[in-house]
Amino acid sequence: MSKQKLIYRQGDIILEKIDKLPKDAKPAGNSLSLTGETGNAHVLEAPVFETGIQTFVQIGAEGAMMKHAEHPTQPIEKGNYVVRRLREYVEKERPRAVFD
């Protein structure tokens, strides 16, 4: 039986739970703030780590809340997460970010 991955989504931001942070992930702050098309940011108060090509967050035992002015606040449970942004494919164009 395969183990399902825990995924949270708020607009164009996805947090996918992972077992542990990569060994090469370096601390990159204590807050994740990703601005969407409307100029409003998705904000998550949690330690942030980066490898140069990927971003990760580490949520403590108390959990955290991802906030955005245009979306309901999303509670996030304890764990390590890789941060992803939705992208869309339009034929004959380069892949581009999806904005909510």
PDB file of N, CA and C in Angstrom:
ATOM      1  N   MET A   1       0.847  -1.175   0.000  1.00  0.00           N
ATOM      2  CA  MET A   1       0.000   0.000   0.000  1.00  0.00           C
ATOM      3  C   MET A   1       0.893   1.238   0.000  1.00  0.00           C
ATOM      4  N   SER A   2       0.631   2.171  -0.907  1.00  0.00           N
ATOM      5  CA  SER A   2       1.456   3.376  -0.989  1.00  0.00           C
ATOM      6  C   SER A   2       1.015   4.405   0.049  1.00  0.00           C
ATOM      7  N   LYS A   3       1.991   5.154   0.520  1.00  0.00           N
ATOM      8  CA  LYS A   3       1.746   6.184   1.515  1.00  0.00           C
ATOM      9  C   LYS A   3       1.362   7.475   0.794  1.00  0.00           C
ATOM     10  N   GLN A   4       0.225   8.065   1.163  1.00  0.00           N
ATOM     11  CA  GLN A   4      -0.201   9.312   0.545  1.00  0.00           C
ATOM     12  C   GLN A   4       0.591  10.472   1.116  1.00  0.00           C
ATOM     13  N   LYS A   5       0.926  11.430   0.252  1.00  0.00           N
ATOM     14  CA  LYS A   5       1.637  12.621   0.687  1.00  0.00           C
ATOM     15  C   LYS A   5       0.643  13.657   1.181  1.00  0.00           C
ATOM     16  N   LEU A   6       1.038  14.361   2.236  1.00  0.00           N
ATOM     17  CA  LEU A   6       0.213  15.443   2.756  1.00  0.00           C
ATOM     18  C   LEU A   6       0.551  16.702   1.978  1.00  0.00           C
ATOM     19  N   ILE A   7      -0.464  17.325   1.390  1.00  0.00           N
ATOM     20  CA  ILE A   7      -0.272  18.525   0.588  1.00  0.00           C
ATOM     21  C   ILE A   7      -1.268  19.589   1.038  1.00  0.00           C
ATOM     22  N   TYR A   8      -0.762  20.805   1.207  1.00  0.00           N
ATOM     23  CA  TYR A   8      -1.607  21.964   1.484  1.00  0.00           C
ATOM     24  C   TYR A   8      -1.529  22.883   0.279  1.00  0.00           C
ATOM     25  N   ARG A   9      -2.644  23.520  -0.046  1.00  0.00           N
ATOM     26  CA  ARG A   9      -2.657  24.470  -1.157  1.00  0.00           C
ATOM     27  C   ARG A   9      -3.412  25.715  -0.734  1.00  0.00           C
ATOM     28  N   GLN A  10      -2.848  26.863  -1.089  1.00  0.00           N
ATOM     29  CA  GLN A  10      -3.518  28.140  -0.901  1.00  0.00           C
ATOM     30  C   GLN A  10      -3.244  28.949  -2.161  1.00  0.00           C
ATOM     31  N   GLY A  11      -4.261  29.111  -2.998  1.00  0.00           N
ATOM     32  CA  GLY A  11      -4.064  29.794  -4.274  1.00  0.00           C
ATOM     33  C   GLY A  11      -3.054  29.039  -5.122  1.00  0.00           C
ATOM     34  N   ASP A  12      -1.993  29.728  -5.557  1.00  0.00           N
ATOM     35  CA  ASP A  12      -0.984  29.099  -6.411  1.00  0.00           C
ATOM     36  C   ASP A  12       0.195  28.530  -5.631  1.00  0.00           C
ATOM     37  N   ILE A  13       0.115  28.511  -4.305  1.00  0.00           N
ATOM     38  CA  ILE A  13       1.192  28.003  -3.458  1.00  0.00           C
ATOM     39  C   ILE A  13       0.824  26.608  -2.935  1.00  0.00           C
ATOM     40  N   ILE A  14       1.772  25.684  -3.054  1.00  0.00           N
ATOM     41  CA  ILE A  14       1.580  24.315  -2.568  1.00  0.00           C
ATOM     42  C   ILE A  14       2.693  23.993  -1.584  1.00  0.00           C
ATOM     43  N   LEU A  15       2.323  23.409  -0.454  1.00  0.00           N
ATOM     44  CA  LEU A  15       3.289  22.873   0.503  1.00  0.00           C
ATOM     45  C   LEU A  15       3.127  21.365   0.493  1.00  0.00           C
ATOM     46  N   GLU A  16       4.202  20.651   0.162  1.00  0.00           N
ATOM     47  CA  GLU A  16       4.178  19.188   0.120  1.00  0.00           C
ATOM     48  C   GLU A  16       5.059  18.651   1.237  1.00  0.00           C
ATOM     49  N   LYS A  17       4.473  17.868   2.137  1.00  0.00           N
ATOM     50  CA  LYS A  17       5.213  17.340   3.282  1.00  0.00           C
ATOM     51  C   LYS A  17       6.279  16.354   2.827  1.00  0.00           C
ATOM     52  N   ILE A  18       7.467  16.487   3.423  1.00  0.00           N
ATOM     53  CA  ILE A  18       8.583  15.599   3.135  1.00  0.00           C
ATOM     54  C   ILE A  18       9.115  15.042   4.452  1.00  0.00           C
ATOM     55  N   ASP A  19       9.833  13.932   4.391  1.00  0.00           N
ATOM     56  CA  ASP A  19      10.340  13.304   5.611  1.00  0.00           C
ATOM     57  C   ASP A  19      11.372  14.159   6.325  1.00  0.00           C
ATOM     58  N   LYS A  20      12.314  14.718   5.568  1.00  0.00           N
ATOM     59  CA  LYS A  20      13.355  15.549   6.184  1.00  0.00           C
ATOM     60  C   LYS A  20      13.867  16.555   5.174  1.00  0.00           C
ATOM     61  N   LEU A  21      14.488  17.608   5.688  1.00  0.00           N
ATOM     62  CA  LEU A  21      15.077  18.617   4.825  1.00  0.00           C
ATOM     63  C   LEU A  21      16.305  18.035   4.129  1.00  0.00           C
ATOM     64  N   PRO A  22      16.598  18.476   2.906  1.00  0.00           N
ATOM     65  CA  PRO A  22      17.816  18.015   2.236  1.00  0.00           C
ATOM     66  C   PRO A  22      19.049  18.457   3.022  1.00  0.00           C
ATOM     67  N   LYS A  23      20.105  17.674   2.927  1.00  0.00           N
ATOM     68  CA  LYS A  23      21.334  17.990   3.666  1.00  0.00           C
ATOM     69  C   LYS A  23      21.937  19.320   3.255  1.00  0.00           C
ATOM     70  N   ASP A  24      21.733  19.730   2.006  1.00  0.00           N
ATOM     71  CA  ASP A  24      22.324  20.983   1.529  1.00  0.00           C
ATOM     72  C   ASP A  24      21.422  22.208   1.733  1.00  0.00           C
ATOM     73  N   ALA A  25      20.284  22.033   2.418  1.00  0.00           N
ATOM     74  CA  ALA A  25      19.385  23.167   2.681  1.00  0.00           C
ATOM     75  C   ALA A  25      19.994  24.086   3.736  1.00  0.00           C
ATOM     76  N   LYS A  26      20.041  25.371   3.406  1.00  0.00           N
ATOM     77  CA  LYS A  26      20.623  26.375   4.298  1.00  0.00           C
ATOM     78  C   LYS A  26      19.535  27.289   4.842  1.00  0.00           C
ATOM     79  N   PRO A  27      19.651  27.730   6.107  1.00  0.00           N
ATOM     80  CA  PRO A  27      18.670  28.666   6.670  1.00  0.00           C
ATOM     81  C   PRO A  27      18.549  29.919   5.801  1.00  0.00           C
ATOM     82  N   ALA A  28      17.303  30.381   5.606  1.00  0.00           N
ATOM     83  CA  ALA A  28      17.051  31.540   4.740  1.00  0.00           C
ATOM     84  C   ALA A  28      16.015  32.483   5.349  1.00  0.00           C
ATOM     85  N   GLY A  29      15.876  32.463   6.665  1.00  0.00           N
ATOM     86  CA  GLY A  29      14.937  33.381   7.310  1.00  0.00           C
ATOM     87  C   GLY A  29      13.915  32.670   8.173  1.00  0.00           C
ATOM     88  N   ASN A  30      13.052  33.474   8.773  1.00  0.00           N
ATOM     89  CA  ASN A  30      12.020  32.945   9.679  1.00  0.00           C
ATOM     90  C   ASN A  30      10.606  33.193   9.192  1.00  0.00           C
ATOM     91  N   SER A  31      10.462  33.609   7.931  1.00  0.00           N
ATOM     92  CA  SER A  31       9.146  33.885   7.391  1.00  0.00           C
ATOM     93  C   SER A  31       9.167  33.691   5.879  1.00  0.00           C
ATOM     94  N   LEU A  32       8.151  33.021   5.359  1.00  0.00           N
ATOM     95  CA  LEU A  32       7.992  32.830   3.925  1.00  0.00           C
ATOM     96  C   LEU A  32       6.960  33.838   3.446  1.00  0.00           C
ATOM     97  N   SER A  33       7.298  34.625   2.444  1.00  0.00           N
ATOM     98  CA  SER A  33       6.375  35.609   1.881  1.00  0.00           C
ATOM     99  C   SER A  33       6.486  35.548   0.364  1.00  0.00           C
ATOM    100  N   LEU A  34       5.431  35.058  -0.303  1.00  0.00           N
ATOM    101  CA  LEU A  34       5.414  34.916  -1.752  1.00  0.00           C
ATOM    102  C   LEU A  34       4.277  35.756  -2.315  1.00  0.00           C
ATOM    103  N   THR A  35       4.614  36.724  -3.141  1.00  0.00           N
ATOM    104  CA  THR A  35       3.634  37.654  -3.688  1.00  0.00           C
ATOM    105  C   THR A  35       2.962  37.072  -4.921  1.00  0.00           C
ATOM    106  N   GLY A  36       1.652  37.206  -4.962  1.00  0.00           N
ATOM    107  CA  GLY A  36       0.867  36.745  -6.095  1.00  0.00           C
ATOM    108  C   GLY A  36       0.617  37.863  -7.088  1.00  0.00           C
ATOM    109  N   GLU A  37      -0.170  37.571  -8.118  1.00  0.00           N
ATOM    110  CA  GLU A  37      -0.467  38.502  -9.207  1.00  0.00           C
ATOM    111  C   GLU A  37      -1.108  39.795  -8.715  1.00  0.00           C
ATOM    112  N   THR A  38      -1.922  39.711  -7.692  1.00  0.00           N
ATOM    113  CA  THR A  38      -2.639  40.889  -7.189  1.00  0.00           C
ATOM    114  C   THR A  38      -1.787  41.747  -6.274  1.00  0.00           C
ATOM    115  N   GLY A  39      -0.587  41.286  -5.966  1.00  0.00           N
ATOM    116  CA  GLY A  39       0.290  42.046  -5.075  1.00  0.00           C
ATOM    117  C   GLY A  39       0.171  41.639  -3.626  1.00  0.00           C
ATOM    118  N   ASN A  40      -0.829  40.821  -3.305  1.00  0.00           N
ATOM    119  CA  ASN A  40      -0.975  40.317  -1.937  1.00  0.00           C
ATOM    120  C   ASN A  40      -0.081  39.105  -1.742  1.00  0.00           C
ATOM    121  N   ALA A  41       0.505  39.000  -0.561  1.00  0.00           N
ATOM    122  CA  ALA A  41       1.461  37.929  -0.295  1.00  0.00           C
ATOM    123  C   ALA A  41       0.835  36.775   0.479  1.00  0.00           C
ATOM    124  N   HIS A  42       1.303  35.575   0.165  1.00  0.00           N
ATOM    125  CA  HIS A  42       1.038  34.396   0.979  1.00  0.00           C
ATOM    126  C   HIS A  42       2.135  34.432   2.046  1.00  0.00           C
ATOM    127  N   VAL A  43       1.756  34.434   3.319  1.00  0.00           N
ATOM    128  CA  VAL A  43       2.735  34.586   4.400  1.00  0.00           C
ATOM    129  C   VAL A  43       2.622  33.417   5.367  1.00  0.00           C
ATOM    130  N   LEU A  44       3.786  32.862   5.721  1.00  0.00           N
ATOM    131  CA  LEU A  44       3.861  31.755   6.668  1.00  0.00           C
ATOM    132  C   LEU A  44       5.028  32.042   7.607  1.00  0.00           C
ATOM    133  N   GLU A  45       4.719  32.203   8.887  1.00  0.00           N
ATOM    134  CA  GLU A  45       5.759  32.463   9.892  1.00  0.00           C
ATOM    135  C   GLU A  45       6.344  31.130  10.343  1.00  0.00           C
ATOM    136  N   ALA A  46       7.499  30.791   9.761  1.00  0.00           N
ATOM    137  CA  ALA A  46       8.174  29.521  10.062  1.00  0.00           C
ATOM    138  C   ALA A  46       9.594  29.596   9.512  1.00  0.00           C
ATOM    139  N   PRO A  47      10.518  28.806  10.076  1.00  0.00           N
ATOM    140  CA  PRO A  47      11.872  28.779   9.528  1.00  0.00           C
ATOM    141  C   PRO A  47      11.870  28.347   8.063  1.00  0.00           C
ATOM    142  N   VAL A  48      12.627  29.089   7.251  1.00  0.00           N
ATOM    143  CA  VAL A  48      12.718  28.846   5.813  1.00  0.00           C
ATOM    144  C   VAL A  48      14.132  28.363   5.493  1.00  0.00           C
ATOM    145  N   PHE A  49      14.227  27.417   4.568  1.00  0.00           N
ATOM    146  CA  PHE A  49      15.514  26.869   4.131  1.00  0.00           C
ATOM    147  C   PHE A  49      15.532  26.853   2.609  1.00  0.00           C
ATOM    148  N   GLU A  50      16.732  27.012   2.019  1.00  0.00           N
ATOM    149  CA  GLU A  50      16.861  26.988   0.567  1.00  0.00           C
ATOM    150  C   GLU A  50      18.068  26.168   0.148  1.00  0.00           C
ATOM    151  N   THR A  51      17.960  25.559  -1.034  1.00  0.00           N
ATOM    152  CA  THR A  51      19.084  24.818  -1.602  1.00  0.00           C
ATOM    153  C   THR A  51      19.679  25.561  -2.790  1.00  0.00           C
ATOM    154  N   GLY A  52      19.084  26.650  -3.184  1.00  0.00           N
ATOM    155  CA  GLY A  52      19.490  27.366  -4.383  1.00  0.00           C
ATOM    156  C   GLY A  52      18.489  27.169  -5.501  1.00  0.00           C
ATOM    157  N   ILE A  53      17.808  26.016  -5.506  1.00  0.00           N
ATOM    158  CA  ILE A  53      16.786  25.762  -6.524  1.00  0.00           C
ATOM    159  C   ILE A  53      15.418  25.442  -5.918  1.00  0.00           C
ATOM    160  N   GLN A  54      15.397  25.134  -4.624  1.00  0.00           N
ATOM    161  CA  GLN A  54      14.134  24.826  -3.957  1.00  0.00           C
ATOM    162  C   GLN A  54      14.073  25.528  -2.613  1.00  0.00           C
ATOM    163  N   THR A  55      12.836  25.787  -2.190  1.00  0.00           N
ATOM    164  CA  THR A  55      12.583  26.410  -0.899  1.00  0.00           C
ATOM    165  C   THR A  55      11.823  25.421  -0.029  1.00  0.00           C
ATOM    166  N   PHE A  56      12.136  25.434   1.272  1.00  0.00           N
ATOM    167  CA  PHE A  56      11.518  24.531   2.242  1.00  0.00           C
ATOM    168  C   PHE A  56      11.107  25.319   3.477  1.00  0.00           C
ATOM    169  N   VAL A  57      10.106  24.836   4.196  1.00  0.00           N
ATOM    170  CA  VAL A  57       9.745  25.396   5.495  1.00  0.00           C
ATOM    171  C   VAL A  57       9.695  24.270   6.508  1.00  0.00           C
ATOM    172  N   GLN A  58       9.973  24.628   7.753  1.00  0.00           N
ATOM    173  CA  GLN A  58       9.964  23.655   8.847  1.00  0.00           C
ATOM    174  C   GLN A  58       8.980  24.160   9.895  1.00  0.00           C
ATOM    175  N   ILE A  59       7.879  23.449  10.052  1.00  0.00           N
ATOM    176  CA  ILE A  59       6.816  23.842  10.970  1.00  0.00           C
ATOM    177  C   ILE A  59       7.013  23.115  12.298  1.00  0.00           C
ATOM    178  N   GLY A  60       7.013  23.877  13.386  1.00  0.00           N
ATOM    179  CA  GLY A  60       7.208  23.311  14.717  1.00  0.00           C
ATOM    180  C   GLY A  60       5.972  22.611  15.254  1.00  0.00           C
ATOM    181  N   ALA A  61       6.091  22.073  16.455  1.00  0.00           N
ATOM    182  CA  ALA A  61       5.035  21.271  17.096  1.00  0.00           C
ATOM    183  C   ALA A  61       3.709  22.010  17.218  1.00  0.00           C
ATOM    184  N   GLU A  62       3.769  23.340  17.349  1.00  0.00           N
ATOM    185  CA  GLU A  62       2.539  24.119  17.520  1.00  0.00           C
ATOM    186  C   GLU A  62       1.806  24.359  16.204  1.00  0.00           C
ATOM    187  N   GLY A  63       2.432  23.997  15.077  1.00  0.00           N
ATOM    188  CA  GLY A  63       1.824  24.243  13.774  1.00  0.00           C
ATOM    189  C   GLY A  63       2.001  25.698  13.377  1.00  0.00           C
ATOM    190  N   ALA A  64       1.427  26.066  12.254  1.00  0.00           N
ATOM    191  CA  ALA A  64       1.525  27.442  11.759  1.00  0.00           C
ATOM    192  C   ALA A  64       0.301  27.738  10.901  1.00  0.00           C
ATOM    193  N   MET A  65       0.141  29.012  10.552  1.00  0.00           N
ATOM    194  CA  MET A  65      -0.978  29.440   9.720  1.00  0.00           C
ATOM    195  C   MET A  65      -0.441  30.164   8.495  1.00  0.00           C
ATOM    196  N   MET A  66      -0.869  29.733   7.304  1.00  0.00           N
ATOM    197  CA  MET A  66      -0.517  30.451   6.085  1.00  0.00           C
ATOM    198  C   MET A  66      -1.641  31.442   5.815  1.00  0.00           C
ATOM    199  N   LYS A  67      -1.263  32.719   5.652  1.00  0.00           N
ATOM    200  CA  LYS A  67      -2.255  33.784   5.509  1.00  0.00           C
ATOM    201  C   LYS A  67      -2.146  34.465   4.152  1.00  0.00           C
ATOM    202  N   HIS A  68      -3.290  34.960   3.678  1.00  0.00           N
ATOM    203  CA  HIS A  68      -3.373  35.719   2.430  1.00  0.00           C
ATOM    204  C   HIS A  68      -4.667  36.519   2.488  1.00  0.00           C
ATOM    205  N   ALA A  69      -4.636  37.735   1.982  1.00  0.00           N
ATOM    206  CA  ALA A  69      -5.804  38.622   2.043  1.00  0.00           C
ATOM    207  C   ALA A  69      -7.013  38.088   1.278  1.00  0.00           C
ATOM    208  N   GLU A  70      -6.790  37.278   0.247  1.00  0.00           N
ATOM    209  CA  GLU A  70      -7.893  36.824  -0.599  1.00  0.00           C
ATOM    210  C   GLU A  70      -8.272  35.358  -0.414  1.00  0.00           C
ATOM    211  N   HIS A  71      -7.641  34.676   0.553  1.00  0.00           N
ATOM    212  CA  HIS A  71      -7.922  33.260   0.792  1.00  0.00           C
ATOM    213  C   HIS A  71      -8.149  33.036   2.282  1.00  0.00           C
ATOM    214  N   PRO A  72      -8.897  31.981   2.631  1.00  0.00           N
ATOM    215  CA  PRO A  72      -9.013  31.633   4.047  1.00  0.00           C
ATOM    216  C   PRO A  72      -7.638  31.270   4.618  1.00  0.00           C
ATOM    217  N   THR A  73      -7.422  31.579   5.885  1.00  0.00           N
ATOM    218  CA  THR A  73      -6.180  31.196   6.549  1.00  0.00           C
ATOM    219  C   THR A  73      -6.094  29.680   6.570  1.00  0.00           C
ATOM    220  N   GLN A  74      -4.923  29.159   6.226  1.00  0.00           N
ATOM    221  CA  GLN A  74      -4.715  27.708   6.115  1.00  0.00           C
ATOM    222  C   GLN A  74      -3.839  27.220   7.259  1.00  0.00           C
ATOM    223  N   PRO A  75      -4.390  26.421   8.189  1.00  0.00           N
ATOM    224  CA  PRO A  75      -3.543  25.845   9.234  1.00  0.00           C
ATOM    225  C   PRO A  75      -2.628  24.767   8.636  1.00  0.00           C
ATOM    226  N   ILE A  76      -1.369  24.766   9.073  1.00  0.00           N
ATOM    227  CA  ILE A  76      -0.383  23.803   8.592  1.00  0.00           C
ATOM    228  C   ILE A  76       0.145  23.029   9.796  1.00  0.00           C
ATOM    229  N   GLU A  77       0.132  21.701   9.716  1.00  0.00           N
ATOM    230  CA  GLU A  77       0.592  20.885  10.841  1.00  0.00           C
ATOM    231  C   GLU A  77       2.114  20.753  10.856  1.00  0.00           C
ATOM    232  N   LYS A  78       2.629  20.320  11.978  1.00  0.00           N
ATOM    233  CA  LYS A  78       4.067  20.118  12.193  1.00  0.00           C
ATOM    234  C   LYS A  78       4.671  19.280  11.072  1.00  0.00           C
ATOM    235  N   GLY A  79       5.883  19.665  10.656  1.00  0.00           N
ATOM    236  CA  GLY A  79       6.596  18.869   9.664  1.00  0.00           C
ATOM    237  C   GLY A  79       7.498  19.701   8.787  1.00  0.00           C
ATOM    238  N   ASN A  80       8.159  19.036   7.867  1.00  0.00           N
ATOM    239  CA  ASN A  80       9.022  19.658   6.869  1.00  0.00           C
ATOM    240  C   ASN A  80       8.278  19.654   5.540  1.00  0.00           C
ATOM    241  N   TYR A  81       8.380  20.769   4.815  1.00  0.00           N
ATOM    242  CA  TYR A  81       7.632  20.903   3.567  1.00  0.00           C
ATOM    243  C   TYR A  81       8.493  21.516   2.478  1.00  0.00           C
ATOM    244  N   VAL A  82       8.314  21.047   1.250  1.00  0.00           N
ATOM    245  CA  VAL A  82       8.886  21.703   0.087  1.00  0.00           C
ATOM    246  C   VAL A  82       7.816  22.671  -0.424  1.00  0.00           C
ATOM    247  N   VAL A  83       8.245  23.864  -0.814  1.00  0.00           N
ATOM    248  CA  VAL A  83       7.330  24.900  -1.297  1.00  0.00           C
ATOM    249  C   VAL A  83       7.317  24.847  -2.815  1.00  0.00           C
ATOM    250  N   ARG A  84       6.119  24.778  -3.376  1.00  0.00           N
ATOM    251  CA  ARG A  84       5.982  24.735  -4.832  1.00  0.00           C
ATOM    252  C   ARG A  84       4.997  25.815  -5.269  1.00  0.00           C
ATOM    253  N   ARG A  85       5.178  26.282  -6.485  1.00  0.00           N
ATOM    254  CA  ARG A  85       4.245  27.228  -7.097  1.00  0.00           C
ATOM    255  C   ARG A  85       3.623  26.561  -8.301  1.00  0.00           C
ATOM    256  N   LEU A  86       2.313  26.683  -8.456  1.00  0.00           N
ATOM    257  CA  LEU A  86       1.657  26.130  -9.637  1.00  0.00           C
ATOM    258  C   LEU A  86       2.162  26.841 -10.882  1.00  0.00           C
ATOM    259  N   ARG A  87       2.329  26.079 -11.940  1.00  0.00           N
ATOM    260  CA  ARG A  87       2.734  26.633 -13.230  1.00  0.00           C
ATOM    261  C   ARG A  87       1.753  26.107 -14.265  1.00  0.00           C
ATOM    262  N   GLU A  88       1.587  26.856 -15.323  1.00  0.00           N
ATOM    263  CA  GLU A  88       0.700  26.398 -16.382  1.00  0.00           C
ATOM    264  C   GLU A  88       1.460  26.292 -17.691  1.00  0.00           C
ATOM    265  N   TYR A  89       0.985  25.400 -18.523  1.00  0.00           N
ATOM    266  CA  TYR A  89       1.600  25.196 -19.828  1.00  0.00           C
ATOM    267  C   TYR A  89       0.639  25.705 -20.887  1.00  0.00           C
ATOM    268  N   VAL A  90       1.133  26.596 -21.719  1.00  0.00           N
ATOM    269  CA  VAL A  90       0.361  27.096 -22.852  1.00  0.00           C
ATOM    270  C   VAL A  90       1.168  26.727 -24.091  1.00  0.00           C
ATOM    271  N   GLU A  91       0.555  25.980 -24.995  1.00  0.00           N
ATOM    272  CA  GLU A  91       1.274  25.503 -26.174  1.00  0.00           C
ATOM    273  C   GLU A  91       1.987  26.650 -26.884  1.00  0.00           C
ATOM    274  N   LYS A  92       3.231  26.394 -27.266  1.00  0.00           N
ATOM    275  CA  LYS A  92       4.099  27.322 -27.986  1.00  0.00           C
ATOM    276  C   LYS A  92       4.533  28.522 -27.133  1.00  0.00           C
ATOM    277  N   GLU A  93       4.334  28.444 -25.830  1.00  0.00           N
ATOM    278  CA  GLU A  93       4.836  29.471 -24.918  1.00  0.00           C
ATOM    279  C   GLU A  93       5.662  28.790 -23.845  1.00  0.00           C
ATOM    280  N   ARG A  94       6.467  29.545 -23.157  1.00  0.00           N
ATOM    281  CA  ARG A  94       7.245  29.003 -22.039  1.00  0.00           C
ATOM    282  C   ARG A  94       6.314  28.767 -20.856  1.00  0.00           C
ATOM    283  N   PRO A  95       6.584  27.741 -20.040  1.00  0.00           N
ATOM    284  CA  PRO A  95       5.775  27.569 -18.833  1.00  0.00           C
ATOM    285  C   PRO A  95       5.832  28.850 -18.000  1.00  0.00           C
ATOM    286  N   ARG A  96       4.732  29.176 -17.360  1.00  0.00           N
ATOM    287  CA  ARG A  96       4.668  30.406 -16.574  1.00  0.00           C
ATOM    288  C   ARG A  96       3.950  30.153 -15.267  1.00  0.00           C
ATOM    289  N   ALA A  97       4.198  31.019 -14.325  1.00  0.00           N
ATOM    290  CA  ALA A  97       3.561  30.892 -13.012  1.00  0.00           C
ATOM    291  C   ALA A  97       2.063  31.092 -13.147  1.00  0.00           C
ATOM    292  N   VAL A  98       1.324  30.361 -12.321  1.00  0.00           N
ATOM    293  CA  VAL A  98      -0.125  30.553 -12.220  1.00  0.00           C
ATOM    294  C   VAL A  98      -0.336  31.561 -11.113  1.00  0.00           C
ATOM    295  N   PHE A  99      -1.097  32.591 -11.389  1.00  0.00           N
ATOM    296  CA  PHE A  99      -1.397  33.578 -10.358  1.00  0.00           C
ATOM    297  C   PHE A  99      -2.849  33.440  -9.961  1.00  0.00           C
ATOM    298  N   ASP A 100      -3.093  33.559  -8.671  1.00  0.00           N
ATOM    299  CA  ASP A 100      -4.459  33.425  -8.173  1.00  0.00           C
ATOM    300  C   ASP A 100      -5.133  34.761  -8.067  1.00  0.00           C
TER     301      ASP A 100
END
